[in-house]
Amino acid sequence: MFDFLIKAYTFFSSRKFISFGQNSKIKPFLNSSHEEHIDIGDNVDIGSFCRIAVSTEFAGHKVRSKNNVRLKIGNHVDVGHNTFISANNNIQIGNHVIMSSYVFITDHDHGFTDVSKNLHKQPLTNGGHVIIGDNVFLGIKSSVLKNVTIGNHSVIGANSVVTKDIPPYTIATGNPAKVIKRYSPKAKKWVSLSSS
């Protein structure tokens, strides 16, 4: 019965996206907006109570972006329940990415520079990006903030906040996230930076 509900929910929800791949599914309930700017790949599993949104305007200020696709999720991606992905310009998530629950990803900030105005009247920042490579694992309650790239085969620890680029084949933890281990092809294992 539950599988039938997921299939039915996916069928009706998926029709709003600019592209929605084969064998992908959405578990109830998804809070989404401006799906015409969102591209979902094949074999994507979107967990329950996620929010996947593109912002095109805030407080009467239009977001400036030349990108038709502003949020792209690759193939074979698991999106954990209660995950929040918020794009207004360019978020790209690679293939075989696993997101735990309560992950937060954004390519922009709320404006706050004009202290003479309430926050609700200030625009979102423009032109940001987030690029997440292939085979990346994002731990539970981790956050990925604007203008960062996470390299292939990297791991972001639970509760970590990514504010700067993370190289490929590394493990990063903390707030702000810092690289603590790197994969050694020679040793064929993950090596602590203090041991390398």
C-alpha atoms as a PDB file:
ATOM      1  CA  MET A   1       0.000   0.000   0.000  1.00  0.00           C
ATOM      2  CA  PHE A   2       2.768   2.440   0.937  1.00  0.00           C
ATOM      3  CA  ASP A   3       4.677   1.668  -2.306  1.00  0.00           C
ATOM      4  CA  PHE A   4       1.536   2.473  -4.278  1.00  0.00           C
ATOM      5  CA  LEU A   5       1.181   5.775  -2.410  1.00  0.00           C
ATOM      6  CA  ILE A   6       4.802   6.710  -3.216  1.00  0.00           C
ATOM      7  CA  LYS A   7       4.319   5.846  -6.891  1.00  0.00           C
ATOM      8  CA  ALA A   8       1.122   7.872  -7.096  1.00  0.00           C
ATOM      9  CA  TYR A   9       2.628  10.813  -5.224  1.00  0.00           C
ATOM     10  CA  THR A  10       5.720  10.718  -7.434  1.00  0.00           C
ATOM     11  CA  PHE A  11       3.630  10.578 -10.606  1.00  0.00           C
ATOM     12  CA  PHE A  12       1.713  13.730  -9.799  1.00  0.00           C
ATOM     13  CA  SER A  13       4.604  15.637  -8.189  1.00  0.00           C
ATOM     14  CA  SER A  14       7.206  14.837 -10.847  1.00  0.00           C
ATOM     15  CA  ARG A  15       5.249  16.449 -13.651  1.00  0.00           C
ATOM     16  CA  LYS A  16       6.104  19.929 -12.349  1.00  0.00           C
ATOM     17  CA  PHE A  17       9.881  19.595 -12.805  1.00  0.00           C
ATOM     18  CA  ILE A  18      11.758  20.677 -15.924  1.00  0.00           C
ATOM     19  CA  SER A  19      13.144  17.124 -16.023  1.00  0.00           C
ATOM     20  CA  PHE A  20      12.518  14.098 -13.831  1.00  0.00           C
ATOM     21  CA  GLY A  21      14.505  10.921 -14.444  1.00  0.00           C
ATOM     22  CA  GLN A  22      13.547   7.291 -14.704  1.00  0.00           C
ATOM     23  CA  ASN A  23      12.981   5.261 -11.541  1.00  0.00           C
ATOM     24  CA  SER A  24      13.202   8.353  -9.341  1.00  0.00           C
ATOM     25  CA  LYS A  25      10.741   8.698  -6.498  1.00  0.00           C
ATOM     26  CA  ILE A  26       9.445  11.260  -4.043  1.00  0.00           C
ATOM     27  CA  LYS A  27       8.165  10.213  -0.636  1.00  0.00           C
ATOM     28  CA  PRO A  28       5.336  12.334   0.816  1.00  0.00           C
ATOM     29  CA  PHE A  29       5.445  15.152   1.424  1.00  0.00           C
ATOM     30  CA  LEU A  30       7.651  17.421  -0.690  1.00  0.00           C
ATOM     31  CA  ASN A  31       7.651  21.200  -0.275  1.00  0.00           C
ATOM     32  CA  SER A  32       8.955  22.505  -3.603  1.00  0.00           C
ATOM     33  CA  SER A  33       8.812  25.708  -5.611  1.00  0.00           C
ATOM     34  CA  HIS A  34       9.718  26.878  -9.113  1.00  0.00           C
ATOM     35  CA  GLU A  35      10.194  23.318 -10.287  1.00  0.00           C
ATOM     36  CA  GLU A  36      10.615  24.664 -13.837  1.00  0.00           C
ATOM     37  CA  HIS A  37      14.219  25.425 -12.797  1.00  0.00           C
ATOM     38  CA  ILE A  38      14.905  22.012 -11.190  1.00  0.00           C
ATOM     39  CA  ASP A  39      16.377  18.979 -13.002  1.00  0.00           C
ATOM     40  CA  ILE A  40      16.165  15.602 -11.238  1.00  0.00           C
ATOM     41  CA  GLY A  41      18.224  12.691 -12.597  1.00  0.00           C
ATOM     42  CA  ASP A  42      17.571   8.943 -12.759  1.00  0.00           C
ATOM     43  CA  ASN A  43      17.209   6.723  -9.689  1.00  0.00           C
ATOM     44  CA  VAL A  44      16.908   9.614  -7.255  1.00  0.00           C
ATOM     45  CA  ASP A  45      15.226   8.877  -3.907  1.00  0.00           C
ATOM     46  CA  ILE A  46      13.804  11.981  -2.213  1.00  0.00           C
ATOM     47  CA  GLY A  47      12.879  11.319   1.408  1.00  0.00           C
ATOM     48  CA  SER A  48       9.847  12.470   3.351  1.00  0.00           C
ATOM     49  CA  PHE A  49       9.239  16.089   4.334  1.00  0.00           C
ATOM     50  CA  CYS A  50      12.011  17.554   2.187  1.00  0.00           C
ATOM     51  CA  ARG A  51      12.056  21.101   0.891  1.00  0.00           C
ATOM     52  CA  ILE A  52      13.605  21.539  -2.557  1.00  0.00           C
ATOM     53  CA  ALA A  53      13.130  25.078  -3.755  1.00  0.00           C
ATOM     54  CA  VAL A  54      14.323  27.683  -6.214  1.00  0.00           C
ATOM     55  CA  SER A  55      13.878  31.312  -5.216  1.00  0.00           C
ATOM     56  CA  THR A  56      13.188  33.721  -8.067  1.00  0.00           C
ATOM     57  CA  GLU A  57      12.061  36.675  -5.970  1.00  0.00           C
ATOM     58  CA  PHE A  58      12.138  37.844  -2.367  1.00  0.00           C
ATOM     59  CA  ALA A  59      10.619  40.968  -0.840  1.00  0.00           C
ATOM     60  CA  GLY A  60       9.747  42.259  -4.288  1.00  0.00           C
ATOM     61  CA  HIS A  61      13.346  41.939  -5.484  1.00  0.00           C
ATOM     62  CA  LYS A  62      13.834  39.593  -8.453  1.00  0.00           C
ATOM     63  CA  VAL A  63      16.773  37.197  -8.326  1.00  0.00           C
ATOM     64  CA  ARG A  64      19.227  37.790 -11.158  1.00  0.00           C
ATOM     65  CA  SER A  65      20.291  34.533 -12.817  1.00  0.00           C
ATOM     66  CA  LYS A  66      20.970  33.560 -16.425  1.00  0.00           C
ATOM     67  CA  ASN A  67      20.540  29.870 -15.639  1.00  0.00           C
ATOM     68  CA  ASN A  68      17.394  28.093 -16.748  1.00  0.00           C
ATOM     69  CA  VAL A  69      18.335  25.075 -14.604  1.00  0.00           C
ATOM     70  CA  ARG A  70      19.293  26.451 -11.202  1.00  0.00           C
ATOM     71  CA  LEU A  71      19.222  23.185  -9.261  1.00  0.00           C
ATOM     72  CA  LYS A  72      20.462  19.951 -10.822  1.00  0.00           C
ATOM     73  CA  ILE A  73      20.490  16.622  -8.984  1.00  0.00           C
ATOM     74  CA  GLY A  74      22.432  13.839 -10.713  1.00  0.00           C
ATOM     75  CA  ASN A  75      21.752  10.119 -10.982  1.00  0.00           C
ATOM     76  CA  HIS A  76      21.570   7.615  -8.110  1.00  0.00           C
ATOM     77  CA  VAL A  77      21.212  10.266  -5.404  1.00  0.00           C
ATOM     78  CA  ASP A  78      19.622   9.683  -1.992  1.00  0.00           C
ATOM     79  CA  VAL A  79      18.111  12.772  -0.365  1.00  0.00           C
ATOM     80  CA  GLY A  80      17.478  12.101   3.328  1.00  0.00           C
ATOM     81  CA  HIS A  81      14.215  13.089   4.949  1.00  0.00           C
ATOM     82  CA  ASN A  82      13.768  16.680   6.128  1.00  0.00           C
ATOM     83  CA  THR A  83      16.565  17.870   3.846  1.00  0.00           C
ATOM     84  CA  PHE A  84      16.363  21.509   2.671  1.00  0.00           C
ATOM     85  CA  ILE A  85      17.959  22.526  -0.640  1.00  0.00           C
ATOM     86  CA  SER A  86      17.517  26.194  -1.545  1.00  0.00           C
ATOM     87  CA  ALA A  87      18.865  27.560  -4.833  1.00  0.00           C
ATOM     88  CA  ASN A  88      18.504  30.801  -6.696  1.00  0.00           C
ATOM     89  CA  ASN A  89      21.364  30.526  -9.183  1.00  0.00           C
ATOM     90  CA  ASN A  90      23.409  27.331  -9.401  1.00  0.00           C
ATOM     91  CA  ILE A  91      23.422  24.195  -7.260  1.00  0.00           C
ATOM     92  CA  GLN A  92      24.796  21.068  -8.921  1.00  0.00           C
ATOM     93  CA  ILE A  93      24.748  17.737  -7.122  1.00  0.00           C
ATOM     94  CA  GLY A  94      26.709  14.918  -8.763  1.00  0.00           C
ATOM     95  CA  ASN A  95      26.023  11.215  -9.189  1.00  0.00           C
ATOM     96  CA  HIS A  96      25.906   8.609  -6.412  1.00  0.00           C
ATOM     97  CA  VAL A  97      25.615  11.250  -3.687  1.00  0.00           C
ATOM     98  CA  ILE A  98      24.144  10.257  -0.327  1.00  0.00           C
ATOM     99  CA  MET A  99      22.616  12.897   1.939  1.00  0.00           C
ATOM    100  CA  SER A 100      21.651  11.949   5.456  1.00  0.00           C
ATOM    101  CA  SER A 101      18.608  13.471   7.130  1.00  0.00           C
ATOM    102  CA  TYR A 102      18.318  17.194   7.897  1.00  0.00           C
ATOM    103  CA  VAL A 103      20.994  18.281   5.416  1.00  0.00           C
ATOM    104  CA  PHE A 104      20.917  21.957   4.370  1.00  0.00           C
ATOM    105  CA  ILE A 105      22.353  23.240   1.073  1.00  0.00           C
ATOM    106  CA  THR A 106      22.104  26.822  -0.210  1.00  0.00           C
ATOM    107  CA  ASP A 107      23.821  28.978  -2.844  1.00  0.00           C
ATOM    108  CA  HIS A 108      22.726  32.319  -1.370  1.00  0.00           C
ATOM    109  CA  ASP A 109      22.173  34.374   1.769  1.00  0.00           C
ATOM    110  CA  HIS A 110      19.422  36.691   2.902  1.00  0.00           C
ATOM    111  CA  GLY A 111      20.534  40.288   2.533  1.00  0.00           C
ATOM    112  CA  PHE A 112      21.245  42.187   5.732  1.00  0.00           C
ATOM    113  CA  THR A 113      23.562  45.035   4.703  1.00  0.00           C
ATOM    114  CA  ASP A 114      20.958  47.826   4.848  1.00  0.00           C
ATOM    115  CA  VAL A 115      20.218  48.132   8.550  1.00  0.00           C
ATOM    116  CA  SER A 116      17.619  50.827   7.845  1.00  0.00           C
ATOM    117  CA  LYS A 117      15.347  48.095   6.408  1.00  0.00           C
ATOM    118  CA  ASN A 118      13.731  45.062   7.997  1.00  0.00           C
ATOM    119  CA  LEU A 119      15.205  41.741   6.886  1.00  0.00           C
ATOM    120  CA  HIS A 120      11.938  40.892   5.145  1.00  0.00           C
ATOM    121  CA  LYS A 121      12.492  43.853   2.818  1.00  0.00           C
ATOM    122  CA  GLN A 122      16.083  43.057   1.831  1.00  0.00           C
ATOM    123  CA  PRO A 123      16.970  41.018  -1.282  1.00  0.00           C
ATOM    124  CA  LEU A 124      18.660  37.649  -1.502  1.00  0.00           C
ATOM    125  CA  THR A 125      22.271  37.590  -2.647  1.00  0.00           C
ATOM    126  CA  ASN A 126      22.853  36.809  -6.324  1.00  0.00           C
ATOM    127  CA  GLY A 127      25.327  34.790  -8.355  1.00  0.00           C
ATOM    128  CA  GLY A 128      26.268  32.110  -5.837  1.00  0.00           C
ATOM    129  CA  HIS A 129      26.949  28.444  -6.449  1.00  0.00           C
ATOM    130  CA  VAL A 130      27.358  25.064  -4.795  1.00  0.00           C
ATOM    131  CA  ILE A 131      29.028  22.206  -6.676  1.00  0.00           C
ATOM    132  CA  ILE A 132      28.954  18.755  -5.073  1.00  0.00           C
ATOM    133  CA  GLY A 133      30.959  16.081  -6.891  1.00  0.00           C
ATOM    134  CA  ASP A 134      30.257  12.393  -7.427  1.00  0.00           C
ATOM    135  CA  ASN A 135      30.208   9.831  -4.610  1.00  0.00           C
ATOM    136  CA  VAL A 136      29.990  12.431  -1.850  1.00  0.00           C
ATOM    137  CA  PHE A 137      28.479  11.602   1.556  1.00  0.00           C
ATOM    138  CA  LEU A 138      26.858  14.364   3.592  1.00  0.00           C
ATOM    139  CA  GLY A 139      26.381  13.464   7.257  1.00  0.00           C
ATOM    140  CA  ILE A 140      23.258  14.097   9.296  1.00  0.00           C
ATOM    141  CA  LYS A 141      22.495  17.785   9.943  1.00  0.00           C
ATOM    142  CA  SER A 142      25.436  18.954   7.852  1.00  0.00           C
ATOM    143  CA  SER A 143      25.197  22.299   6.035  1.00  0.00           C
ATOM    144  CA  VAL A 144      26.748  23.398   2.757  1.00  0.00           C
ATOM    145  CA  LEU A 145      26.807  27.170   2.344  1.00  0.00           C
ATOM    146  CA  LYS A 146      27.197  29.328  -0.758  1.00  0.00           C
ATOM    147  CA  ASN A 147      30.195  29.450  -3.086  1.00  0.00           C
ATOM    148  CA  VAL A 148      31.771  26.119  -2.217  1.00  0.00           C
ATOM    149  CA  THR A 149      32.788  23.046  -4.193  1.00  0.00           C
ATOM    150  CA  ILE A 150      33.003  19.601  -2.611  1.00  0.00           C
ATOM    151  CA  GLY A 151      35.256  17.248  -4.566  1.00  0.00           C
ATOM    152  CA  ASN A 152      34.523  13.681  -5.648  1.00  0.00           C
ATOM    153  CA  HIS A 153      34.588  10.886  -3.064  1.00  0.00           C
ATOM    154  CA  SER A 154      34.540  13.254  -0.093  1.00  0.00           C
ATOM    155  CA  VAL A 155      32.800  12.793   3.244  1.00  0.00           C
ATOM    156  CA  ILE A 156      31.275  15.602   5.304  1.00  0.00           C
ATOM    157  CA  GLY A 157      30.819  14.684   8.955  1.00  0.00           C
ATOM    158  CA  ALA A 158      27.610  15.004  10.957  1.00  0.00           C
ATOM    159  CA  ASN A 159      26.700  18.544  12.071  1.00  0.00           C
ATOM    160  CA  SER A 160      29.502  20.036   9.966  1.00  0.00           C
ATOM    161  CA  VAL A 161      29.190  23.420   8.253  1.00  0.00           C
ATOM    162  CA  VAL A 162      30.984  23.688   4.910  1.00  0.00           C
ATOM    163  CA  THR A 163      32.038  27.284   4.217  1.00  0.00           C
ATOM    164  CA  LYS A 164      35.063  26.665   1.953  1.00  0.00           C
ATOM    165  CA  ASP A 165      35.992  24.254  -0.837  1.00  0.00           C
ATOM    166  CA  ILE A 166      36.631  20.645   0.187  1.00  0.00           C
ATOM    167  CA  PRO A 167      39.188  18.765  -1.960  1.00  0.00           C
ATOM    168  CA  PRO A 168      38.339  15.378  -3.507  1.00  0.00           C
ATOM    169  CA  TYR A 169      39.057  12.186  -1.569  1.00  0.00           C
ATOM    170  CA  THR A 170      38.982  13.853   1.833  1.00  0.00           C
ATOM    171  CA  ILE A 171      36.978  13.703   5.066  1.00  0.00           C
ATOM    172  CA  ALA A 172      35.986  17.044   6.596  1.00  0.00           C
ATOM    173  CA  THR A 173      34.295  17.730   9.923  1.00  0.00           C
ATOM    174  CA  GLY A 174      33.458  20.602  12.232  1.00  0.00           C
ATOM    175  CA  ASN A 175      32.119  24.159  12.138  1.00  0.00           C
ATOM    176  CA  PRO A 176      33.617  25.426   9.937  1.00  0.00           C
ATOM    177  CA  ALA A 177      34.433  22.106   8.275  1.00  0.00           C
ATOM    178  CA  LYS A 178      38.136  21.267   8.052  1.00  0.00           C
ATOM    179  CA  VAL A 179      39.822  18.350   6.327  1.00  0.00           C
ATOM    180  CA  ILE A 180      40.942  15.715   8.853  1.00  0.00           C
ATOM    181  CA  LYS A 181      41.702  12.745   6.579  1.00  0.00           C
ATOM    182  CA  ARG A 182      42.750  12.146   2.996  1.00  0.00           C
ATOM    183  CA  TYR A 183      42.581   8.939   0.944  1.00  0.00           C
ATOM    184  CA  SER A 184      46.016   7.588   0.067  1.00  0.00           C
ATOM    185  CA  PRO A 185      46.040   5.649  -3.236  1.00  0.00           C
ATOM    186  CA  LYS A 186      49.460   4.274  -2.321  1.00  0.00           C
ATOM    187  CA  ALA A 187      48.370   2.941   1.081  1.00  0.00           C
ATOM    188  CA  LYS A 188      44.836   2.255  -0.179  1.00  0.00           C
ATOM    189  CA  LYS A 189      43.324   3.678   2.987  1.00  0.00           C
ATOM    190  CA  TRP A 190      42.160   6.911   4.629  1.00  0.00           C
ATOM    191  CA  VAL A 191      45.037   8.611   6.399  1.00  0.00           C
ATOM    192  CA  SER A 192      44.813  11.212   9.152  1.00  0.00           C
ATOM    193  CA  LEU A 193      46.514  14.463   8.158  1.00  0.00           C
ATOM    194  CA  SER A 194      48.531  14.349  11.362  1.00  0.00           C
ATOM    195  CA  SER A 195      49.893  10.968  10.224  1.00  0.00           C
ATOM    196  CA  SER A 196      50.679  11.867   6.624  1.00  0.00           C
END
